[in-house]
Amino acid sequence: MTKSTCLLSALLLLAGFAAHAAPPEPPALADLAAKVMPAVVSIASTDPVNDTQQGALGGKDGDAYHPTGDTPTAGSVLPPPRAEEALGSGFIFDPAGYVLTNNHVIDGAASITVTLQDGTLLPATLIGRDAAADLAVLKIDAGHKLPFVTFGNSAKLRVGDWVLAIGNPFGLPGSTSAGIVSALNRDINEGVFDNFIQTDAAINRGNSGGPLFNLQGQVIGVDSAIYSPSGGSIGIGFAIPSAMAMPVAYELKATGGMIRGWLGVDTQEVTPPIQRLLSLPNTAGALVGGVAANGPAEGKLQPGDVLVSLAGIPVTNPRALLIQTAEVPAGQSIAAQFWRDGSERQTTITLTVPPTQTDGTLHNSLPPTPPVDVAALGLTVAARPAPAGVSVTAVTDNGPAAKAGIVAGDVIEAVSGQTVATATTLQDQLKALDAANTSVATLLVSGDVADGSDPGPRWVPVPIQK
């Protein structure tokens, strides 16, 4: 091999290595921005205020104007009331002119106007809003069909995916920023349904209600909040996932309100001891502790079941179950997968309106249930489980439990080495001991002892009475 051939081979090898090692470039976003931009709108909401108090829009995300002035004296001629204006964003999700935005952008507004990307200014009518999810639907009439965008599946998002935000920050319409998904399922203590997408795409005041797009041009989030000590973007923005936004948008469009479905169960975390007791593959899911009488899950689920999937989406914990249920309007039927007796099963449940729901918010708690009598030990326990077992609600005077030093408020965590998950499992375990002619149940109990101290969990032998 000649020197020139060797040199050429070496150069080709280095070029190949450099091409392989080069990091991937950010995606080209110009065509995507041009495609979706016409469906993004700017929103201005106004509310008349007087000179002595801040208007209802003063706390909104936007360049709100806070007028000041002298307090009028009695008998003076007053000028017309001034108005405060809040700026936000939104997007057209139906060509007939339906716009989705944040509820906080238009909350309390006396008038709302929408500006299209071509500068057309149109009055907007509020069709409906869902304060719990911080979403609202507006209607504009342009006299013709409008460009619109569709929703994508936020459940398919992964940390690191590229996203594009478009909105009206600081009154600058059509502003576009790009970034990645920084985190998923963020709870920022803004509401009961917090499940935000976190992104480092620049989101500022006025972006509220604007869309967050994936690279297919689908809306996978509604920009809603930022974390910023300065008031400007520092790369921590939050968007409502489309899994929540899409059903709310279409329900508000159709009915003007969002009545969330009610599953009618109380649930708790699946702890490692419960996992072992129920022979579960892992601790994912929500352990059913109670089922509402005449509720949608009655006859479908029972205490001790572990819900692991709802409408095809994995249930990771009780909070995830709450949010997933909140995404389903009342009246819809959904598939539920659960573990029972060591095997996975499936059922279909039709969600109903919660019995106490009057304002569109979700009330997923069950009505009070009476305690369960455990005569074999001379005590009663709560029908719904505590985080680590079942709570003792009362103890019979001079009964076995009372003589063993158990008091109301104690929690029974295990019986003879077996974890107690619910009142039902406690009774089943006692029946098994009785069938095996065992006269004493050894209980793992936590709670205060006679001197008022809490020594932590302790084993207490309690005779089983017939």
Protein backbone atom coordinates (compact mmCIF):
# COMPACT_ATOMS: atom_id res chain seq x y z
CA MET A 1 0.00 0.00 0.00
CA THR A 2 1.45 3.38 -1.02
CA LYS A 3 1.84 6.32 1.35
CA SER A 4 -0.87 8.26 -0.47
CA THR A 5 -3.29 5.32 -0.15
CA CYS A 6 -2.58 5.01 3.57
CA LEU A 7 -3.08 8.75 4.06
CA LEU A 8 -6.38 8.68 2.19
CA SER A 9 -7.60 5.72 4.26
CA ALA A 10 -6.67 7.49 7.48
CA LEU A 11 -8.51 10.66 6.42
CA LEU A 12 -11.62 8.70 5.50
CA LEU A 13 -11.49 6.88 8.85
CA LEU A 14 -11.20 10.17 10.74
CA ALA A 15 -14.02 11.71 8.71
CA GLY A 16 -16.22 8.73 9.45
CA PHE A 17 -15.42 8.94 13.18
CA ALA A 18 -16.15 12.68 13.24
CA ALA A 19 -19.49 12.15 11.49
CA HIS A 20 -20.40 9.42 13.94
CA ALA A 21 -19.34 11.43 16.99
CA ALA A 22 -21.01 14.71 15.97
CA PRO A 23 -23.95 15.53 18.26
CA PRO A 24 -27.37 15.75 16.65
CA GLU A 25 -28.45 19.25 15.69
CA PRO A 26 -31.66 20.82 17.01
CA PRO A 27 -34.61 20.22 14.68
CA ALA A 28 -35.49 22.79 12.01
CA LEU A 29 -38.61 24.52 13.34
CA ALA A 30 -39.35 27.24 10.76
CA ASP A 31 -41.77 25.14 8.71
CA LEU A 32 -43.52 23.93 11.85
CA ALA A 33 -43.92 27.47 13.20
CA ALA A 34 -45.28 28.70 9.86
CA LYS A 35 -47.78 25.83 9.77
CA VAL A 36 -49.31 26.32 13.23
CA MET A 37 -48.89 30.08 13.70
CA PRO A 38 -52.19 31.11 12.01
CA ALA A 39 -54.20 29.22 14.66
CA VAL A 40 -52.56 30.98 17.62
CA VAL A 41 -54.34 34.11 18.86
CA SER A 42 -53.79 36.96 21.29
CA ILE A 43 -56.42 37.64 23.93
CA ALA A 44 -57.17 40.90 25.75
CA SER A 45 -59.72 40.93 28.55
CA THR A 46 -60.92 44.11 30.21
CA ASP A 47 -62.76 44.84 33.41
CA PRO A 48 -64.05 48.25 34.54
CA VAL A 49 -62.53 49.38 37.84
CA ASN A 50 -62.61 52.50 39.97
CA ASP A 51 -59.65 54.51 41.15
CA THR A 52 -59.64 53.21 44.69
CA GLN A 53 -59.24 49.50 44.18
CA GLN A 54 -57.46 47.07 41.95
CA GLY A 55 -59.57 45.40 39.31
CA ALA A 56 -60.32 41.73 39.14
CA LEU A 57 -57.71 41.27 36.42
CA GLY A 58 -54.85 42.77 38.40
CA GLY A 59 -53.44 39.43 39.45
CA LYS A 60 -53.54 37.86 36.00
CA ASP A 61 -50.66 36.78 33.87
CA GLY A 62 -50.22 39.80 31.62
CA ASP A 63 -49.37 43.46 31.42
CA ALA A 64 -52.24 44.58 33.62
CA TYR A 65 -52.63 48.31 33.95
CA HIS A 66 -53.08 49.48 37.54
CA PRO A 67 -54.56 52.97 37.53
CA THR A 68 -54.17 55.36 40.41
CA GLY A 69 -55.88 58.60 41.15
CA ASP A 70 -57.47 60.86 43.71
CA THR A 71 -60.41 59.62 45.73
CA PRO A 72 -63.53 61.52 44.51
CA THR A 73 -65.27 63.73 47.02
CA ALA A 74 -69.00 63.73 47.66
CA GLY A 75 -70.93 65.61 44.98
CA SER A 76 -68.07 65.67 42.48
CA VAL A 77 -68.56 64.81 38.83
CA LEU A 78 -67.07 61.39 38.19
CA PRO A 79 -65.47 60.36 34.89
CA PRO A 80 -66.42 57.03 33.26
CA PRO A 81 -64.82 54.09 35.05
CA ARG A 82 -61.38 53.17 33.85
CA ALA A 83 -60.58 49.67 32.75
CA GLU A 84 -57.82 47.24 33.46
CA GLU A 85 -56.57 45.02 30.68
CA ALA A 86 -54.90 41.65 30.91
CA LEU A 87 -53.13 40.06 27.97
CA GLY A 88 -52.95 36.37 27.26
CA SER A 89 -52.83 33.81 24.49
CA GLY A 90 -55.00 31.07 23.07
CA PHE A 91 -55.45 28.82 20.07
CA ILE A 92 -58.25 27.85 17.71
CA PHE A 93 -59.08 24.16 18.09
CA ASP A 94 -62.22 24.18 15.92
CA PRO A 95 -62.53 25.97 12.54
CA ALA A 96 -65.92 27.38 13.58
CA GLY A 97 -64.00 29.77 15.84
CA TYR A 98 -63.69 28.00 19.18
CA VAL A 99 -60.63 29.13 21.15
CA LEU A 100 -59.05 27.50 24.19
CA THR A 101 -57.21 29.58 26.78
CA ASN A 102 -56.58 29.71 30.52
CA ASN A 103 -59.45 30.57 32.81
CA HIS A 104 -57.23 33.03 34.68
CA VAL A 105 -56.73 35.01 31.47
CA ILE A 106 -60.44 35.90 31.23
CA ASP A 107 -61.62 35.49 34.83
CA GLY A 108 -63.85 38.42 35.84
CA ALA A 109 -63.65 40.09 32.44
CA ALA A 110 -66.44 42.37 31.27
CA SER A 111 -65.29 42.13 27.65
CA ILE A 112 -62.90 39.89 25.74
CA THR A 113 -61.28 40.50 22.37
CA VAL A 114 -59.26 38.12 20.24
CA THR A 115 -56.63 39.19 17.72
CA LEU A 116 -55.77 36.81 14.88
CA GLN A 117 -52.28 36.53 13.44
CA ASP A 118 -53.25 38.74 10.48
CA GLY A 119 -54.26 41.53 12.86
CA THR A 120 -58.02 40.98 12.67
CA LEU A 121 -59.64 42.04 15.95
CA LEU A 122 -62.80 40.15 16.95
CA PRO A 123 -65.05 40.25 20.02
CA ALA A 124 -65.21 36.94 21.88
CA THR A 125 -68.02 35.24 23.78
CA LEU A 126 -67.27 33.09 26.79
CA ILE A 127 -68.75 29.64 26.10
CA GLY A 128 -67.67 27.95 29.31
CA ARG A 129 -64.88 27.65 31.80
CA ASP A 130 -63.46 25.09 34.18
CA ALA A 131 -61.80 26.82 37.11
CA ALA A 132 -60.52 23.53 38.54
CA ALA A 133 -58.41 22.90 35.43
CA ASP A 134 -57.82 26.63 34.75
CA LEU A 135 -59.25 26.36 31.21
CA ALA A 136 -61.85 28.35 29.27
CA VAL A 137 -63.40 28.17 25.81
CA LEU A 138 -64.23 31.32 23.80
CA LYS A 139 -66.14 31.73 20.53
CA ILE A 140 -65.30 34.21 17.79
CA ASP A 141 -67.15 34.79 14.51
CA ALA A 142 -64.97 35.69 11.55
CA GLY A 143 -67.65 34.93 8.94
CA HIS A 144 -65.61 32.05 7.55
CA LYS A 145 -63.75 28.97 8.71
CA LEU A 146 -60.55 29.64 10.56
CA PRO A 147 -57.20 27.84 10.63
CA PHE A 148 -57.02 25.47 13.59
CA VAL A 149 -54.72 23.02 15.31
CA THR A 150 -55.37 19.57 16.73
CA PHE A 151 -54.48 17.96 20.03
CA GLY A 152 -51.75 15.37 20.42
CA ASN A 153 -51.23 12.68 23.03
CA SER A 154 -49.33 14.09 26.01
CA ALA A 155 -49.10 10.58 27.50
CA LYS A 156 -46.49 9.78 24.84
CA LEU A 157 -44.20 12.63 25.86
CA ARG A 158 -40.76 11.81 27.20
CA VAL A 159 -38.32 13.99 29.06
CA GLY A 160 -36.00 15.44 26.42
CA ASP A 161 -38.60 15.73 23.64
CA TRP A 162 -38.50 18.97 21.67
CA VAL A 163 -41.45 21.36 22.04
CA LEU A 164 -42.46 24.73 20.57
CA ALA A 165 -44.33 27.47 22.43
CA ILE A 166 -46.16 30.29 20.62
CA GLY A 167 -48.00 33.14 22.30
CA ASN A 168 -48.33 36.79 23.18
CA PRO A 169 -45.70 37.49 25.86
CA PHE A 170 -45.61 41.11 27.03
CA GLY A 171 -48.05 41.99 24.24
CA LEU A 172 -45.73 40.72 21.48
CA PRO A 173 -48.01 38.46 19.38
CA GLY A 174 -46.66 35.52 17.46
CA SER A 175 -43.60 35.14 19.67
CA THR A 176 -42.09 31.68 19.27
CA SER A 177 -39.71 29.81 21.55
CA ALA A 178 -38.38 26.28 21.55
CA GLY A 179 -37.02 23.93 24.17
CA ILE A 180 -37.40 20.47 25.56
CA VAL A 181 -39.65 18.70 28.02
CA SER A 182 -37.74 19.14 31.27
CA ALA A 183 -39.99 17.00 33.48
CA LEU A 184 -43.44 15.41 33.58
CA ASN A 185 -46.22 15.12 36.15
CA ARG A 186 -45.17 18.22 38.07
CA ASP A 187 -47.29 19.17 41.10
CA ILE A 188 -46.71 22.90 41.79
CA ASN A 189 -49.51 23.23 44.37
CA GLU A 190 -51.70 25.34 42.09
CA GLY A 191 -54.70 23.01 42.19
CA VAL A 192 -55.99 19.55 42.94
CA PHE A 193 -55.31 18.39 39.36
CA ASP A 194 -51.72 19.63 39.05
CA ASN A 195 -49.95 17.37 36.58
CA PHE A 196 -47.92 19.85 34.57
CA ILE A 197 -45.46 19.40 31.75
CA GLN A 198 -42.31 21.32 32.67
CA THR A 199 -40.38 22.88 29.80
CA ASP A 200 -37.39 25.16 29.32
CA ALA A 201 -38.99 26.80 26.26
CA ALA A 202 -39.27 30.49 27.14
CA ILE A 203 -42.70 31.23 28.64
CA ASN A 204 -43.37 34.74 29.93
CA ARG A 205 -46.25 36.92 31.10
CA GLY A 206 -48.85 36.89 28.35
CA ASN A 207 -48.04 33.35 27.19
CA SER A 208 -50.79 31.99 29.44
CA GLY A 209 -53.33 30.01 27.42
CA GLY A 210 -51.01 29.57 24.46
CA PRO A 211 -50.22 26.20 22.90
CA LEU A 212 -47.21 23.98 23.46
CA PHE A 213 -46.59 21.94 20.30
CA ASN A 214 -44.76 18.70 19.60
CA LEU A 215 -42.73 18.32 16.40
CA GLN A 216 -45.81 17.02 14.57
CA GLY A 217 -47.58 20.35 15.08
CA GLN A 218 -50.02 18.92 17.63
CA VAL A 219 -50.96 20.70 20.86
CA ILE A 220 -49.64 18.63 23.74
CA GLY A 221 -49.95 21.32 26.40
CA VAL A 222 -51.47 24.68 27.35
CA ASP A 223 -48.88 27.10 28.71
CA SER A 224 -50.14 28.20 32.12
CA ALA A 225 -47.48 29.12 34.67
CA ILE A 226 -43.83 29.90 35.22
CA TYR A 227 -41.46 29.78 38.13
CA SER A 228 -39.51 33.01 38.21
CA PRO A 229 -38.26 35.22 41.03
CA SER A 230 -37.85 38.06 38.49
CA GLY A 231 -41.19 37.71 36.69
CA GLY A 232 -39.51 36.69 33.42
CA SER A 233 -38.53 33.34 31.98
CA ILE A 234 -35.65 31.52 33.64
CA GLY A 235 -36.34 28.29 31.80
CA ILE A 236 -38.94 26.80 34.13
CA GLY A 237 -42.38 26.90 32.56
CA PHE A 238 -45.43 24.71 33.06
CA ALA A 239 -48.15 23.55 30.70
CA ILE A 240 -51.42 21.69 31.28
CA PRO A 241 -51.15 18.34 29.43
CA SER A 242 -53.45 17.74 26.48
CA ALA A 243 -54.75 14.65 28.32
CA MET A 244 -56.56 17.12 30.57
CA ALA A 245 -57.01 20.04 28.16
CA MET A 246 -58.58 18.15 25.24
CA PRO A 247 -61.58 16.56 27.03
CA VAL A 248 -62.22 19.80 28.93
CA ALA A 249 -62.11 21.84 25.71
CA TYR A 250 -64.62 19.66 23.89
CA GLU A 251 -66.90 19.32 26.92
CA LEU A 252 -66.95 23.10 27.44
CA LYS A 253 -67.66 23.59 23.74
CA ALA A 254 -70.54 21.09 23.83
CA THR A 255 -72.17 21.87 27.16
CA GLY A 256 -70.58 25.03 28.58
CA GLY A 257 -69.36 23.19 31.68
CA MET A 258 -67.14 20.33 32.77
CA ILE A 259 -68.86 17.79 35.02
CA ARG A 260 -66.17 15.29 35.90
CA GLY A 261 -66.84 11.62 36.29
CA TRP A 262 -66.92 9.95 39.68
CA LEU A 263 -65.43 6.50 40.20
CA GLY A 264 -66.81 6.03 43.71
CA VAL A 265 -63.78 4.49 45.39
CA ASP A 266 -61.33 5.44 48.11
CA THR A 267 -57.75 4.37 47.51
CA GLN A 268 -54.33 4.38 49.15
CA GLU A 269 -50.71 3.81 48.22
CA VAL A 270 -49.44 0.31 47.56
CA THR A 271 -46.61 -0.10 50.07
CA PRO A 272 -43.98 -2.87 49.85
CA PRO A 273 -45.70 -4.86 52.65
CA ILE A 274 -49.03 -4.64 50.80
CA GLN A 275 -47.26 -5.64 47.58
CA ARG A 276 -45.95 -8.79 49.27
CA LEU A 277 -49.27 -9.55 50.94
CA LEU A 278 -51.22 -9.30 47.68
CA SER A 279 -48.48 -10.92 45.53
CA LEU A 280 -48.20 -7.90 43.24
CA PRO A 281 -45.37 -7.51 40.72
CA ASN A 282 -44.53 -3.99 42.00
CA THR A 283 -45.91 -1.11 44.07
CA ALA A 284 -47.55 0.72 41.14
CA GLY A 285 -51.30 1.21 41.36
CA ALA A 286 -53.97 2.33 43.80
CA LEU A 287 -55.26 -0.01 46.51
CA VAL A 288 -59.05 0.13 46.83
CA GLY A 289 -60.02 0.65 50.47
CA GLY A 290 -63.73 1.41 50.04
CA VAL A 291 -66.41 1.30 47.36
CA ALA A 292 -69.40 3.66 47.51
CA ALA A 293 -72.79 2.00 47.86
CA ASN A 294 -74.77 2.41 44.62
CA GLY A 295 -71.70 4.05 43.07
CA PRO A 296 -70.32 3.32 39.59
CA ALA A 297 -67.72 0.85 40.89
CA GLU A 298 -70.12 -1.17 43.08
CA GLY A 299 -70.14 -4.78 41.88
CA LYS A 300 -67.10 -4.06 39.72
CA LEU A 301 -64.41 -3.40 42.32
CA GLN A 302 -64.03 -4.38 45.95
CA PRO A 303 -61.72 -3.52 48.87
CA GLY A 304 -58.34 -5.12 48.35
CA ASP A 305 -58.36 -4.69 44.56
CA VAL A 306 -55.43 -2.73 43.11
CA LEU A 307 -56.24 -0.52 40.13
CA VAL A 308 -53.32 -0.51 37.69
CA SER A 309 -54.83 0.99 34.53
CA LEU A 310 -57.71 3.32 33.64
CA ALA A 311 -58.77 3.92 30.05
CA GLY A 312 -55.58 2.22 28.91
CA ILE A 313 -53.31 4.54 30.88
CA PRO A 314 -51.24 3.06 33.72
CA VAL A 315 -52.23 4.11 37.23
CA THR A 316 -49.04 4.73 39.17
CA ASN A 317 -50.54 5.86 42.49
CA PRO A 318 -53.77 7.27 44.01
CA ARG A 319 -53.01 10.82 42.86
CA ALA A 320 -52.56 9.63 39.28
CA LEU A 321 -55.93 7.86 39.56
CA LEU A 322 -57.57 11.08 40.77
CA ILE A 323 -56.19 13.05 37.82
CA GLN A 324 -57.01 10.38 35.26
CA THR A 325 -60.59 10.21 36.55
CA ALA A 326 -60.81 14.01 36.37
CA GLU A 327 -60.02 13.85 32.65
CA VAL A 328 -63.18 11.84 31.94
CA PRO A 329 -66.57 13.59 31.73
CA ALA A 330 -69.46 12.03 33.62
CA GLY A 331 -71.43 9.48 31.59
CA GLN A 332 -68.47 7.95 29.78
CA SER A 333 -67.54 4.29 30.14
CA ILE A 334 -63.90 3.39 30.64
CA ALA A 335 -61.91 0.19 30.90
CA ALA A 336 -60.29 -0.50 34.27
CA GLN A 337 -57.59 -3.09 34.91
CA PHE A 338 -56.94 -4.33 38.43
CA TRP A 339 -55.29 -7.07 40.46
CA ARG A 340 -57.39 -9.44 42.55
CA ASP A 341 -56.39 -12.74 44.14
CA GLY A 342 -53.02 -12.74 42.41
CA SER A 343 -54.29 -12.25 38.87
CA GLU A 344 -54.96 -9.25 36.64
CA ARG A 345 -58.57 -8.63 35.65
CA GLN A 346 -60.50 -6.09 33.61
CA THR A 347 -63.90 -4.46 33.85
CA THR A 348 -65.79 -1.53 32.33
CA ILE A 349 -67.08 1.23 34.59
CA THR A 350 -69.45 4.04 33.61
CA LEU A 351 -68.50 7.16 35.53
CA THR A 352 -71.34 9.17 37.04
CA VAL A 353 -71.84 12.64 38.47
CA PRO A 354 -70.56 12.78 42.07
CA PRO A 355 -73.49 12.94 44.50
CA THR A 356 -72.16 16.16 46.08
CA GLN A 357 -71.02 17.90 42.90
CA THR A 358 -72.78 21.17 42.23
CA ASP A 359 -70.08 23.48 40.88
CA GLY A 360 -68.16 21.41 38.34
CA THR A 361 -65.41 20.46 40.80
CA LEU A 362 -64.51 16.90 41.65
CA HIS A 363 -65.56 15.38 44.94
CA ASN A 364 -64.09 11.90 44.94
CA SER A 365 -64.49 11.21 48.65
CA LEU A 366 -67.03 8.66 49.77
CA PRO A 367 -69.87 9.33 52.18
CA PRO A 368 -69.17 8.37 55.79
CA THR A 369 -69.17 4.62 56.37
CA PRO A 370 -69.79 2.90 59.71
CA PRO A 371 -66.88 1.16 61.45
CA VAL A 372 -66.40 -2.58 61.08
CA ASP A 373 -67.03 -4.73 64.15
CA VAL A 374 -64.24 -7.22 64.88
CA ALA A 375 -65.95 -9.20 67.65
CA ALA A 376 -63.17 -11.77 67.84
CA LEU A 377 -60.86 -9.10 69.30
CA GLY A 378 -63.43 -6.93 71.04
CA LEU A 379 -62.89 -3.80 68.95
CA THR A 380 -64.07 -1.93 65.87
CA VAL A 381 -61.92 -0.61 63.03
CA ALA A 382 -62.43 2.03 60.36
CA ALA A 383 -63.93 0.72 57.14
CA ARG A 384 -61.34 2.62 55.14
CA PRO A 385 -57.70 1.75 55.59
CA ALA A 386 -55.04 3.94 57.19
CA PRO A 387 -51.72 4.45 55.36
CA ALA A 388 -50.12 1.48 57.19
CA GLY A 389 -53.04 -0.74 58.18
CA VAL A 390 -56.47 -0.25 59.78
CA SER A 391 -57.34 2.23 62.53
CA VAL A 392 -59.00 1.12 65.75
CA THR A 393 -62.09 3.28 66.32
CA ALA A 394 -63.36 1.79 69.60
CA VAL A 395 -62.45 -0.92 72.12
CA THR A 396 -64.95 -2.97 74.15
CA ASP A 397 -64.55 -2.54 77.91
CA ASN A 398 -62.88 -5.60 79.46
CA GLY A 399 -62.61 -7.23 76.02
CA PRO A 400 -59.48 -9.01 74.75
CA ALA A 401 -58.09 -5.94 72.99
CA ALA A 402 -58.71 -3.66 75.98
CA LYS A 403 -56.98 -6.09 78.34
CA ALA A 404 -54.01 -6.23 75.93
CA GLY A 405 -53.64 -2.44 76.12
CA ILE A 406 -55.01 -1.56 72.69
CA VAL A 407 -56.87 1.78 72.58
CA ALA A 408 -58.88 3.76 70.05
CA GLY A 409 -56.55 5.48 67.61
CA ASP A 410 -54.10 2.60 67.41
CA VAL A 411 -53.34 1.17 63.98
CA ILE A 412 -53.21 -2.59 63.41
CA GLU A 413 -50.47 -3.16 60.83
CA ALA A 414 -50.18 -6.95 60.80
CA VAL A 415 -51.66 -10.17 62.23
CA SER A 416 -49.28 -13.04 62.99
CA GLY A 417 -46.75 -11.76 60.46
CA GLN A 418 -49.25 -11.00 57.69
CA THR A 419 -49.76 -7.37 56.67
CA VAL A 420 -53.23 -5.92 57.21
CA ALA A 421 -54.37 -3.98 54.14
CA THR A 422 -58.08 -3.46 54.90
CA ALA A 423 -60.73 -4.30 57.49
CA THR A 424 -61.76 -7.19 55.26
CA THR A 425 -58.27 -8.70 55.23
CA LEU A 426 -58.10 -8.35 59.04
CA GLN A 427 -61.30 -10.36 59.43
CA ASP A 428 -60.15 -12.96 56.90
CA GLN A 429 -56.85 -13.41 58.74
CA LEU A 430 -58.64 -13.88 62.07
CA LYS A 431 -60.96 -16.45 60.50
CA ALA A 432 -57.93 -18.34 59.17
CA LEU A 433 -56.35 -18.39 62.63
CA ASP A 434 -59.59 -19.66 64.16
CA ALA A 435 -59.87 -22.37 61.52
CA ALA A 436 -56.33 -23.46 62.40
CA ASN A 437 -57.36 -23.66 66.09
CA THR A 438 -55.04 -20.78 66.98
CA SER A 439 -56.34 -19.11 70.12
CA VAL A 440 -54.14 -15.98 70.10
CA ALA A 441 -53.63 -13.41 67.39
CA THR A 442 -50.31 -11.60 67.55
CA LEU A 443 -50.98 -8.06 66.34
CA LEU A 444 -48.41 -5.53 65.15
CA VAL A 445 -49.83 -2.31 66.63
CA SER A 446 -48.64 1.29 66.38
CA GLY A 447 -49.90 4.17 68.51
CA ASP A 448 -49.73 5.54 72.02
CA VAL A 449 -49.36 3.26 75.04
CA ALA A 450 -50.88 3.79 78.49
CA ASP A 451 -48.35 6.44 79.57
CA GLY A 452 -49.06 8.51 76.45
CA SER A 453 -45.75 7.78 74.74
CA ASP A 454 -45.41 6.30 71.25
CA PRO A 455 -42.75 3.57 71.25
CA GLY A 456 -43.40 2.74 67.62
CA PRO A 457 -44.86 -0.51 66.25
CA ARG A 458 -45.08 -3.28 68.87
CA TRP A 459 -46.27 -6.87 68.88
CA VAL A 460 -49.30 -7.44 71.11
CA PRO A 461 -50.78 -10.92 71.73
CA VAL A 462 -54.58 -10.80 71.89
CA PRO A 463 -56.77 -13.84 72.70
CA ILE A 464 -59.36 -14.66 70.03
CA GLN A 465 -62.80 -14.87 71.59
CA LYS A 466 -65.54 -17.03 70.15
